[in-house]
Amino acid sequence: MNYVYGIAFEGDEFVMVFNPRRGGWEMPGGKVEEGETSLEAMLREFREEVGREFLPKASSNIGGVSVYAGELGGRPSKAEMEWRIFRELPRPLSFPLVEYISIIDWAREATGRARPSG
């Protein structure tokens, strides 16, 4: 089974969704459905969960998952999940902290984002 998730930036801040089932914050994403490409799945999942468009700039396969880095797009619609824009990783997280740090660093570099100071 293939999975995708995306790191969308607005300025130097990034989008995360709250997953009540896992009780924590995580990047928008999900399963690739039959007949979909990884990119199509990422665009669909982001639109469903956040209610906004995702504008991909880079992609990588990290740990067997297709990860996309890009920009938060416009065209707001109804979101399935609570989402927010963060400068730093919030708590609680759905997965161990270490799983997020290198991915966000990669996404910042891939999209030309500065690390937040402080």
N, C-alpha and C. Protein backbone atom coordinates (compact mmCIF):
# COMPACT_ATOMS: atom_id res chain seq x y z
N MET A 1 0.84 -1.18 0.00
CA MET A 1 0.00 0.00 0.00
C MET A 1 0.89 1.24 0.00
N ASN A 2 0.57 2.20 -0.84
CA ASN A 2 1.37 3.42 -0.95
C ASN A 2 0.70 4.57 -0.20
N TYR A 3 1.53 5.39 0.43
CA TYR A 3 1.06 6.55 1.17
C TYR A 3 1.78 7.80 0.71
N VAL A 4 1.13 8.93 0.92
CA VAL A 4 1.71 10.23 0.58
C VAL A 4 1.44 11.21 1.71
N TYR A 5 2.29 12.20 1.85
CA TYR A 5 1.96 13.34 2.69
C TYR A 5 2.72 14.55 2.21
N GLY A 6 2.24 15.71 2.61
CA GLY A 6 2.81 16.95 2.10
C GLY A 6 3.09 17.96 3.19
N ILE A 7 4.12 18.74 2.94
CA ILE A 7 4.50 19.84 3.82
C ILE A 7 4.29 21.11 3.01
N ALA A 8 3.26 21.85 3.39
CA ALA A 8 2.90 23.07 2.67
C ALA A 8 3.30 24.28 3.50
N PHE A 9 4.01 25.19 2.87
CA PHE A 9 4.46 26.39 3.54
C PHE A 9 3.63 27.60 3.15
N GLU A 10 3.51 28.50 4.09
CA GLU A 10 3.02 29.85 3.85
C GLU A 10 4.08 30.71 4.53
N GLY A 11 4.90 31.36 3.71
CA GLY A 11 6.08 32.03 4.27
C GLY A 11 7.00 30.96 4.82
N ASP A 12 7.48 31.15 6.05
CA ASP A 12 8.36 30.16 6.68
C ASP A 12 7.60 29.21 7.60
N GLU A 13 6.27 29.32 7.62
CA GLU A 13 5.46 28.47 8.47
C GLU A 13 4.84 27.34 7.66
N PHE A 14 4.46 26.25 8.33
CA PHE A 14 3.95 25.08 7.64
C PHE A 14 2.61 24.63 8.20
N VAL A 15 1.87 23.92 7.38
CA VAL A 15 0.52 23.44 7.71
C VAL A 15 0.60 22.06 8.36
N MET A 16 -0.18 21.88 9.42
CA MET A 16 -0.37 20.56 10.01
C MET A 16 -1.86 20.39 10.31
N VAL A 17 -2.29 19.14 10.31
CA VAL A 17 -3.68 18.81 10.64
C VAL A 17 -3.70 18.02 11.95
N PHE A 18 -4.80 18.18 12.69
CA PHE A 18 -4.95 17.42 13.93
C PHE A 18 -5.74 16.16 13.63
N ASN A 19 -5.14 15.01 13.93
CA ASN A 19 -5.80 13.73 13.70
C ASN A 19 -6.36 13.24 15.03
N PRO A 20 -7.68 13.35 15.22
CA PRO A 20 -8.27 12.96 16.50
C PRO A 20 -8.12 11.46 16.80
N ARG A 21 -8.07 10.65 15.78
CA ARG A 21 -7.90 9.20 15.96
C ARG A 21 -6.55 8.87 16.58
N ARG A 22 -5.51 9.63 16.16
CA ARG A 22 -4.17 9.41 16.71
C ARG A 22 -3.87 10.37 17.86
N GLY A 23 -4.73 11.38 18.04
CA GLY A 23 -4.55 12.32 19.14
C GLY A 23 -3.38 13.25 19.00
N GLY A 24 -3.05 13.63 17.76
CA GLY A 24 -1.91 14.52 17.58
C GLY A 24 -1.89 15.21 16.23
N TRP A 25 -0.92 16.10 16.10
CA TRP A 25 -0.72 16.86 14.87
C TRP A 25 0.17 16.08 13.92
N GLU A 26 -0.13 16.20 12.61
CA GLU A 26 0.64 15.52 11.58
C GLU A 26 0.50 16.27 10.27
N MET A 27 1.28 15.86 9.30
CA MET A 27 1.20 16.46 7.97
C MET A 27 -0.01 15.89 7.23
N PRO A 28 -0.67 16.70 6.41
CA PRO A 28 -1.79 16.19 5.62
C PRO A 28 -1.31 15.09 4.66
N GLY A 29 -2.12 14.07 4.50
CA GLY A 29 -1.77 12.99 3.59
C GLY A 29 -2.66 11.79 3.77
N GLY A 30 -2.28 10.69 3.11
CA GLY A 30 -3.07 9.47 3.23
C GLY A 30 -2.68 8.45 2.18
N LYS A 31 -3.62 7.53 1.92
CA LYS A 31 -3.39 6.43 0.99
C LYS A 31 -3.55 6.86 -0.46
N VAL A 32 -2.75 6.25 -1.31
CA VAL A 32 -2.91 6.39 -2.76
C VAL A 32 -3.98 5.39 -3.18
N GLU A 33 -5.04 5.90 -3.79
CA GLU A 33 -6.12 5.02 -4.23
C GLU A 33 -5.81 4.39 -5.58
N GLU A 34 -6.49 3.30 -5.86
CA GLU A 34 -6.28 2.59 -7.12
C GLU A 34 -6.51 3.54 -8.30
N GLY A 35 -5.57 3.52 -9.25
CA GLY A 35 -5.67 4.36 -10.44
C GLY A 35 -5.11 5.77 -10.26
N GLU A 36 -4.67 6.11 -9.07
CA GLU A 36 -4.11 7.45 -8.80
C GLU A 36 -2.59 7.40 -8.83
N THR A 37 -1.99 8.49 -9.25
CA THR A 37 -0.55 8.65 -9.07
C THR A 37 -0.33 9.19 -7.66
N SER A 38 0.90 9.15 -7.20
CA SER A 38 1.21 9.71 -5.87
C SER A 38 0.87 11.19 -5.82
N LEU A 39 1.17 11.92 -6.89
CA LEU A 39 0.88 13.35 -6.91
C LEU A 39 -0.62 13.60 -6.87
N GLU A 40 -1.39 12.85 -7.64
CA GLU A 40 -2.85 13.01 -7.61
C GLU A 40 -3.40 12.75 -6.21
N ALA A 41 -2.87 11.71 -5.56
CA ALA A 41 -3.31 11.39 -4.20
C ALA A 41 -2.97 12.52 -3.24
N MET A 42 -1.77 13.09 -3.38
CA MET A 42 -1.37 14.18 -2.49
C MET A 42 -2.28 15.38 -2.66
N LEU A 43 -2.57 15.75 -3.88
CA LEU A 43 -3.43 16.89 -4.15
C LEU A 43 -4.84 16.66 -3.59
N ARG A 44 -5.36 15.44 -3.77
CA ARG A 44 -6.69 15.10 -3.27
C ARG A 44 -6.73 15.11 -1.75
N GLU A 45 -5.78 14.43 -1.13
CA GLU A 45 -5.75 14.35 0.33
C GLU A 45 -5.64 15.74 0.96
N PHE A 46 -4.78 16.58 0.41
CA PHE A 46 -4.60 17.92 0.96
C PHE A 46 -5.89 18.73 0.84
N ARG A 47 -6.50 18.66 -0.32
CA ARG A 47 -7.76 19.38 -0.55
C ARG A 47 -8.84 18.89 0.41
N GLU A 48 -8.93 17.57 0.62
CA GLU A 48 -9.93 17.02 1.53
C GLU A 48 -9.67 17.44 2.98
N GLU A 49 -8.44 17.28 3.44
CA GLU A 49 -8.12 17.50 4.84
C GLU A 49 -8.02 18.97 5.23
N VAL A 50 -7.45 19.79 4.35
CA VAL A 50 -7.20 21.20 4.66
C VAL A 50 -8.23 22.13 4.01
N GLY A 51 -8.81 21.68 2.92
CA GLY A 51 -9.78 22.53 2.23
C GLY A 51 -9.12 23.63 1.40
N ARG A 52 -7.86 23.45 1.09
CA ARG A 52 -7.12 24.41 0.26
C ARG A 52 -6.32 23.62 -0.77
N GLU A 53 -5.83 24.31 -1.76
CA GLU A 53 -4.99 23.68 -2.77
C GLU A 53 -3.56 23.52 -2.25
N PHE A 54 -2.86 22.52 -2.75
CA PHE A 54 -1.45 22.29 -2.46
C PHE A 54 -0.69 22.52 -3.75
N LEU A 55 0.33 23.36 -3.71
CA LEU A 55 1.14 23.68 -4.89
C LEU A 55 2.51 23.03 -4.72
N PRO A 56 2.71 21.83 -5.28
CA PRO A 56 3.96 21.10 -5.05
C PRO A 56 5.15 21.74 -5.74
N LYS A 57 6.30 21.71 -5.06
CA LYS A 57 7.55 22.24 -5.60
C LYS A 57 8.63 21.17 -5.70
N ALA A 58 8.56 20.14 -4.82
CA ALA A 58 9.58 19.10 -4.79
C ALA A 58 8.96 17.83 -4.21
N SER A 59 9.59 16.69 -4.52
CA SER A 59 9.11 15.43 -3.95
C SER A 59 10.30 14.52 -3.68
N SER A 60 10.07 13.57 -2.78
CA SER A 60 11.10 12.60 -2.44
C SER A 60 10.41 11.36 -1.89
N ASN A 61 11.08 10.23 -1.98
CA ASN A 61 10.59 9.01 -1.37
C ASN A 61 11.38 8.84 -0.08
N ILE A 62 10.69 8.97 1.04
CA ILE A 62 11.36 8.90 2.34
C ILE A 62 10.71 7.79 3.14
N GLY A 63 11.48 6.76 3.41
CA GLY A 63 10.96 5.64 4.18
C GLY A 63 9.81 4.92 3.50
N GLY A 64 9.81 4.89 2.16
CA GLY A 64 8.75 4.21 1.41
C GLY A 64 7.48 5.02 1.24
N VAL A 65 7.52 6.29 1.64
CA VAL A 65 6.36 7.18 1.52
C VAL A 65 6.73 8.31 0.56
N SER A 66 5.82 8.68 -0.33
CA SER A 66 6.05 9.81 -1.23
C SER A 66 5.75 11.09 -0.47
N VAL A 67 6.77 11.91 -0.29
CA VAL A 67 6.63 13.15 0.47
C VAL A 67 6.77 14.32 -0.49
N TYR A 68 5.88 15.29 -0.37
CA TYR A 68 5.88 16.47 -1.22
C TYR A 68 6.09 17.71 -0.38
N ALA A 69 6.85 18.65 -0.92
CA ALA A 69 7.04 19.95 -0.29
C ALA A 69 6.52 21.00 -1.24
N GLY A 70 5.82 22.00 -0.71
CA GLY A 70 5.27 23.01 -1.59
C GLY A 70 4.68 24.17 -0.84
N GLU A 71 3.73 24.82 -1.50
CA GLU A 71 3.10 26.04 -0.98
C GLU A 71 1.63 25.78 -0.68
N LEU A 72 1.13 26.51 0.30
CA LEU A 72 -0.29 26.51 0.59
C LEU A 72 -0.97 27.34 -0.48
N GLY A 73 -1.92 26.74 -1.18
CA GLY A 73 -2.62 27.43 -2.25
C GLY A 73 -3.93 28.03 -1.78
N GLY A 74 -4.60 28.65 -2.68
CA GLY A 74 -5.85 29.33 -2.39
C GLY A 74 -7.06 28.45 -2.58
N ARG A 75 -8.16 29.07 -2.99
CA ARG A 75 -9.44 28.41 -3.24
C ARG A 75 -9.93 27.65 -2.03
N PRO A 76 -10.16 28.34 -0.91
CA PRO A 76 -10.63 27.66 0.29
C PRO A 76 -11.98 26.98 0.10
N SER A 77 -12.11 25.83 0.72
CA SER A 77 -13.38 25.10 0.77
C SER A 77 -13.44 24.40 2.12
N LYS A 78 -14.47 23.60 2.33
CA LYS A 78 -14.64 22.93 3.63
C LYS A 78 -13.53 21.91 3.87
N ALA A 79 -12.93 21.96 5.05
CA ALA A 79 -11.88 21.03 5.42
C ALA A 79 -12.45 19.91 6.30
N GLU A 80 -11.94 18.69 6.11
CA GLU A 80 -12.38 17.56 6.92
C GLU A 80 -11.72 17.55 8.29
N MET A 81 -10.57 18.22 8.42
CA MET A 81 -9.81 18.17 9.66
C MET A 81 -9.51 19.58 10.15
N GLU A 82 -9.24 19.67 11.46
CA GLU A 82 -8.75 20.93 12.00
C GLU A 82 -7.32 21.12 11.50
N TRP A 83 -7.00 22.30 11.01
CA TRP A 83 -5.64 22.56 10.55
C TRP A 83 -5.20 23.93 11.01
N ARG A 84 -3.88 24.06 11.12
CA ARG A 84 -3.27 25.32 11.53
C ARG A 84 -1.92 25.47 10.85
N ILE A 85 -1.43 26.69 10.91
CA ILE A 85 -0.11 27.00 10.37
C ILE A 85 0.83 27.22 11.56
N PHE A 86 1.97 26.53 11.54
CA PHE A 86 2.92 26.57 12.65
C PHE A 86 4.30 27.03 12.19
N ARG A 87 5.02 27.66 13.10
CA ARG A 87 6.41 28.05 12.89
C ARG A 87 7.33 26.94 13.41
N GLU A 88 6.90 26.32 14.51
CA GLU A 88 7.63 25.21 15.15
C GLU A 88 6.67 24.04 15.31
N LEU A 89 7.21 22.86 15.52
CA LEU A 89 6.36 21.67 15.69
C LEU A 89 5.52 21.81 16.97
N PRO A 90 4.22 21.58 16.85
CA PRO A 90 3.33 21.66 18.02
C PRO A 90 3.36 20.35 18.82
N ARG A 91 2.68 20.36 19.91
CA ARG A 91 2.47 19.17 20.72
C ARG A 91 0.97 19.04 20.95
N PRO A 92 0.44 17.88 21.07
CA PRO A 92 1.09 16.58 20.86
C PRO A 92 1.21 16.28 19.36
N LEU A 93 2.17 15.44 19.03
CA LEU A 93 2.35 14.97 17.66
C LEU A 93 1.79 13.56 17.53
N SER A 94 1.36 13.20 16.33
CA SER A 94 0.84 11.85 16.08
C SER A 94 1.94 10.80 16.08
N PHE A 95 3.14 11.20 15.70
CA PHE A 95 4.27 10.28 15.58
C PHE A 95 5.45 10.86 16.34
N PRO A 96 6.50 10.07 16.60
CA PRO A 96 7.65 10.58 17.34
C PRO A 96 8.28 11.82 16.68
N LEU A 97 8.71 12.74 17.50
CA LEU A 97 9.31 14.00 17.05
C LEU A 97 10.40 13.79 16.01
N VAL A 98 11.23 12.80 16.20
CA VAL A 98 12.36 12.56 15.31
C VAL A 98 11.90 12.31 13.87
N GLU A 99 10.69 11.79 13.69
CA GLU A 99 10.18 11.52 12.35
C GLU A 99 9.85 12.80 11.58
N TYR A 100 9.67 13.90 12.28
CA TYR A 100 9.30 15.16 11.64
C TYR A 100 10.50 16.06 11.32
N ILE A 101 11.51 16.04 12.18
CA ILE A 101 12.59 17.02 12.08
C ILE A 101 13.31 16.98 10.74
N SER A 102 13.79 15.81 10.33
CA SER A 102 14.55 15.74 9.08
C SER A 102 13.66 16.01 7.87
N ILE A 103 12.39 15.62 7.93
CA ILE A 103 11.47 15.85 6.82
C ILE A 103 11.20 17.34 6.64
N ILE A 104 10.98 18.04 7.73
CA ILE A 104 10.74 19.48 7.64
C ILE A 104 12.00 20.20 7.18
N ASP A 105 13.18 19.76 7.66
CA ASP A 105 14.44 20.35 7.19
C ASP A 105 14.59 20.15 5.68
N TRP A 106 14.28 18.92 5.19
CA TRP A 106 14.36 18.66 3.75
C TRP A 106 13.40 19.57 2.99
N ALA A 107 12.17 19.69 3.50
CA ALA A 107 11.15 20.50 2.81
C ALA A 107 11.55 21.98 2.79
N ARG A 108 12.12 22.47 3.87
CA ARG A 108 12.59 23.87 3.91
C ARG A 108 13.67 24.09 2.84
N GLU A 109 14.62 23.16 2.77
CA GLU A 109 15.70 23.28 1.79
C GLU A 109 15.15 23.17 0.37
N ALA A 110 14.25 22.21 0.14
CA ALA A 110 13.71 21.96 -1.20
C ALA A 110 12.88 23.14 -1.72
N THR A 111 12.30 23.91 -0.80
CA THR A 111 11.46 25.04 -1.22
C THR A 111 12.13 26.40 -0.97
N GLY A 112 13.41 26.38 -0.52
CA GLY A 112 14.13 27.61 -0.31
C GLY A 112 13.67 28.41 0.90
N ARG A 113 13.16 27.72 1.91
CA ARG A 113 12.68 28.38 3.12
C ARG A 113 13.82 28.51 4.13
N ALA A 114 13.79 29.60 4.86
CA ALA A 114 14.76 29.82 5.92
C ALA A 114 14.30 29.07 7.17
N ARG A 115 15.26 28.64 7.95
CA ARG A 115 14.94 28.09 9.27
C ARG A 115 14.50 29.24 10.16
N PRO A 116 13.47 29.05 10.95
CA PRO A 116 13.06 30.14 11.84
C PRO A 116 14.13 30.42 12.87
N SER A 117 14.34 31.68 13.18
CA SER A 117 15.33 32.03 14.19
C SER A 117 14.70 31.95 15.57
N GLY A 118 15.54 31.76 16.57
CA GLY A 118 15.04 31.74 17.95
C GLY A 118 14.90 30.39 18.39
